[in-house]
């Protein structure tokens, strides 16, 4: 079995043959709509893990000020 890796032409996908210059072919198309759109509550729930970070900087700053006060005394 050969382990020659010098020829990797099959490794990379071919470059696209068509490079769009503008979007004139799709500019007037209708925007796709979901057949069963997600509710606002469900959409918001996707981002709820980030809500845990709200106020994080304030807590860090408070802890730093407490530590600095202890160093001074």
N, C-alpha and C. Protein backbone atom coordinates (compact mmCIF):
# COMPACT_ATOMS: atom_id res chain seq x y z
N UNK A 1 0.84 -1.18 0.00
CA UNK A 1 0.00 0.00 0.00
C UNK A 1 0.88 1.24 0.00
N UNK A 2 0.59 2.16 -0.87
CA UNK A 2 1.39 3.37 -1.00
C UNK A 2 0.94 4.41 0.01
N UNK A 3 1.90 5.13 0.56
CA UNK A 3 1.59 6.21 1.50
C UNK A 3 2.03 7.55 0.94
N UNK A 4 2.10 7.65 -0.38
CA UNK A 4 2.51 8.88 -1.03
C UNK A 4 1.44 9.95 -0.84
N UNK A 5 1.80 11.03 -0.16
CA UNK A 5 0.84 12.11 0.08
C UNK A 5 1.16 13.34 -0.75
N UNK A 6 2.07 13.22 -1.70
CA UNK A 6 2.46 14.37 -2.51
C UNK A 6 1.34 14.81 -3.44
N UNK A 7 0.49 13.89 -3.88
CA UNK A 7 -0.57 14.23 -4.81
C UNK A 7 -1.90 14.24 -4.05
N UNK A 8 -2.32 15.42 -3.63
CA UNK A 8 -3.56 15.55 -2.86
C UNK A 8 -4.66 16.20 -3.69
N UNK A 9 -4.62 16.04 -4.99
CA UNK A 9 -5.62 16.71 -5.83
C UNK A 9 -7.02 16.21 -5.53
N UNK A 10 -7.18 14.98 -5.12
CA UNK A 10 -8.50 14.46 -4.79
C UNK A 10 -8.96 14.83 -3.39
N UNK A 11 -8.05 15.33 -2.60
CA UNK A 11 -8.37 15.68 -1.21
C UNK A 11 -9.21 16.96 -1.14
N UNK A 12 -8.87 17.96 -1.93
CA UNK A 12 -9.56 19.24 -1.90
C UNK A 12 -10.68 19.26 -2.91
N UNK A 13 -11.83 19.78 -2.53
CA UNK A 13 -12.92 19.85 -3.50
C UNK A 13 -12.57 20.82 -4.63
N UNK A 14 -13.10 20.59 -5.82
CA UNK A 14 -12.80 21.50 -6.93
C UNK A 14 -13.36 22.89 -6.67
N UNK A 15 -12.72 23.87 -7.21
CA UNK A 15 -13.20 25.24 -7.09
C UNK A 15 -14.50 25.39 -7.87
N UNK A 16 -15.39 26.25 -7.39
CA UNK A 16 -16.64 26.43 -8.14
C UNK A 16 -16.36 27.00 -9.52
N UNK A 17 -17.10 26.51 -10.49
CA UNK A 17 -16.88 26.97 -11.86
C UNK A 17 -17.62 28.27 -12.11
N UNK A 18 -18.62 28.57 -11.27
CA UNK A 18 -19.41 29.79 -11.46
C UNK A 18 -19.23 30.68 -10.25
N UNK A 19 -18.70 31.86 -10.46
CA UNK A 19 -18.57 32.82 -9.38
C UNK A 19 -19.61 33.90 -9.59
N UNK A 20 -20.60 33.98 -8.73
CA UNK A 20 -21.64 34.99 -8.93
C UNK A 20 -21.09 36.40 -8.76
N UNK A 21 -21.38 37.23 -9.70
CA UNK A 21 -20.94 38.63 -9.64
C UNK A 21 -21.97 39.49 -8.92
N UNK A 22 -23.23 39.14 -9.07
CA UNK A 22 -24.30 39.85 -8.38
C UNK A 22 -25.39 38.83 -8.04
N UNK A 23 -26.42 39.28 -7.43
CA UNK A 23 -27.50 38.39 -7.03
C UNK A 23 -28.76 38.66 -7.85
N UNK A 24 -28.60 39.07 -9.07
CA UNK A 24 -29.75 39.43 -9.90
C UNK A 24 -30.66 38.23 -10.14
N UNK A 25 -30.13 37.01 -10.06
CA UNK A 25 -30.97 35.85 -10.29
C UNK A 25 -31.88 35.53 -9.11
N UNK A 26 -31.56 36.05 -7.92
CA UNK A 26 -32.38 35.73 -6.74
C UNK A 26 -32.90 36.97 -6.02
N UNK A 27 -32.54 38.14 -6.47
CA UNK A 27 -32.87 39.36 -5.72
C UNK A 27 -34.37 39.57 -5.55
N UNK A 28 -35.16 39.10 -6.48
CA UNK A 28 -36.60 39.31 -6.39
C UNK A 28 -37.37 38.07 -5.96
N UNK A 29 -36.65 37.05 -5.49
CA UNK A 29 -37.32 35.84 -5.00
C UNK A 29 -37.98 36.12 -3.65
N UNK A 30 -39.05 35.39 -3.38
CA UNK A 30 -39.72 35.52 -2.09
C UNK A 30 -38.86 34.88 -1.01
N UNK A 31 -38.92 35.44 0.16
CA UNK A 31 -38.18 34.89 1.29
C UNK A 31 -38.82 33.58 1.73
N UNK A 32 -38.03 32.54 1.93
CA UNK A 32 -38.63 31.27 2.36
C UNK A 32 -39.26 31.39 3.74
N UNK A 33 -40.39 30.77 3.92
CA UNK A 33 -41.09 30.79 5.20
C UNK A 33 -41.26 29.35 5.68
N UNK A 34 -41.06 29.14 6.97
CA UNK A 34 -41.24 27.81 7.54
C UNK A 34 -42.73 27.46 7.55
N UNK A 35 -43.02 26.21 7.31
CA UNK A 35 -44.43 25.80 7.31
C UNK A 35 -44.98 25.77 8.73
N UNK A 36 -44.13 25.56 9.69
CA UNK A 36 -44.55 25.59 11.10
C UNK A 36 -43.54 26.44 11.88
N UNK A 37 -43.69 27.77 11.84
CA UNK A 37 -42.70 28.64 12.49
C UNK A 37 -42.65 28.42 14.00
N UNK A 38 -41.46 28.62 14.53
CA UNK A 38 -41.22 28.45 15.96
C UNK A 38 -41.82 29.63 16.73
N UNK A 39 -42.40 29.35 17.89
CA UNK A 39 -42.97 30.41 18.70
C UNK A 39 -41.85 31.31 19.25
N UNK A 40 -42.22 32.51 19.63
CA UNK A 40 -41.24 33.45 20.18
C UNK A 40 -40.63 32.90 21.46
N UNK A 41 -41.44 32.22 22.28
CA UNK A 41 -40.94 31.65 23.53
C UNK A 41 -39.90 30.56 23.24
N UNK A 42 -40.18 29.71 22.24
CA UNK A 42 -39.22 28.65 21.91
C UNK A 42 -37.94 29.23 21.32
N UNK A 43 -38.07 30.29 20.52
CA UNK A 43 -36.87 30.93 19.96
C UNK A 43 -36.03 31.53 21.08
N UNK A 44 -36.69 32.16 22.04
CA UNK A 44 -35.98 32.76 23.17
C UNK A 44 -35.29 31.70 24.01
N UNK A 45 -35.91 30.52 24.13
CA UNK A 45 -35.34 29.45 24.95
C UNK A 45 -34.01 28.96 24.38
N UNK A 46 -33.81 29.12 23.08
CA UNK A 46 -32.53 28.71 22.49
C UNK A 46 -31.37 29.50 23.09
N UNK A 47 -31.65 30.73 23.48
CA UNK A 47 -30.58 31.60 23.97
C UNK A 47 -30.56 31.70 25.49
N UNK A 48 -31.40 30.96 26.17
CA UNK A 48 -31.46 31.05 27.63
C UNK A 48 -30.15 30.67 28.32
N UNK A 49 -29.33 29.75 27.78
CA UNK A 49 -28.06 29.47 28.46
C UNK A 49 -27.18 30.70 28.60
N UNK A 50 -27.30 31.65 27.67
CA UNK A 50 -26.49 32.86 27.74
C UNK A 50 -26.98 33.79 28.84
N UNK A 51 -28.20 33.62 29.28
CA UNK A 51 -28.75 34.48 30.33
C UNK A 51 -27.97 34.30 31.64
N UNK A 52 -27.33 33.15 31.79
CA UNK A 52 -26.55 32.90 33.00
C UNK A 52 -25.37 33.86 33.11
N UNK A 53 -24.95 34.44 32.00
CA UNK A 53 -23.81 35.34 32.00
C UNK A 53 -24.18 36.78 32.34
N UNK A 54 -25.47 37.08 32.39
CA UNK A 54 -25.90 38.43 32.73
C UNK A 54 -25.48 38.75 34.15
N UNK A 55 -24.78 39.84 34.32
CA UNK A 55 -24.31 40.26 35.64
C UNK A 55 -22.99 39.63 36.05
N UNK A 56 -22.43 38.78 35.21
CA UNK A 56 -21.18 38.09 35.56
C UNK A 56 -20.04 39.09 35.80
N UNK A 57 -19.93 40.10 34.94
CA UNK A 57 -18.86 41.09 35.11
C UNK A 57 -19.02 41.87 36.41
N UNK A 58 -20.27 42.14 36.78
CA UNK A 58 -20.51 42.87 38.03
C UNK A 58 -20.06 42.05 39.24
N UNK A 59 -20.32 40.77 39.20
CA UNK A 59 -19.92 39.89 40.31
C UNK A 59 -18.40 39.81 40.40
N UNK A 60 -17.74 39.71 39.27
CA UNK A 60 -16.27 39.66 39.24
C UNK A 60 -15.70 40.97 39.81
N UNK A 61 -16.25 42.08 39.36
CA UNK A 61 -15.76 43.38 39.85
C UNK A 61 -15.97 43.51 41.36
N UNK A 62 -17.10 43.03 41.85
CA UNK A 62 -17.36 43.10 43.30
C UNK A 62 -16.37 42.23 44.06
N UNK A 63 -16.12 41.02 43.56
CA UNK A 63 -15.15 40.14 44.22
C UNK A 63 -13.75 40.76 44.21
N UNK A 64 -13.38 41.41 43.12
CA UNK A 64 -12.07 42.06 43.05
C UNK A 64 -11.96 43.20 44.06
N UNK A 65 -13.03 43.98 44.19
CA UNK A 65 -12.98 45.09 45.15
C UNK A 65 -12.89 44.58 46.58
N UNK A 66 -13.59 43.48 46.87
CA UNK A 66 -13.50 42.90 48.21
C UNK A 66 -12.08 42.39 48.47
N UNK A 67 -11.48 41.73 47.49
CA UNK A 67 -10.12 41.23 47.66
C UNK A 67 -9.13 42.38 47.83
N UNK A 68 -9.31 43.46 47.06
CA UNK A 68 -8.42 44.62 47.19
C UNK A 68 -8.56 45.28 48.55
N UNK A 69 -9.79 45.36 49.08
CA UNK A 69 -10.00 45.93 50.40
C UNK A 69 -9.32 45.09 51.48
N UNK A 70 -9.35 43.78 51.32
CA UNK A 70 -8.70 42.90 52.31
C UNK A 70 -7.18 43.08 52.27
N UNK A 71 -6.63 43.32 51.09
CA UNK A 71 -5.18 43.52 50.97
C UNK A 71 -4.76 44.82 51.66
N UNK A 72 -5.60 45.82 51.59
CA UNK A 72 -5.26 47.12 52.18
C UNK A 72 -5.32 47.11 53.70
N UNK A 73 -6.12 46.24 54.25
CA UNK A 73 -6.29 46.25 55.71
C UNK A 73 -5.46 45.24 56.38
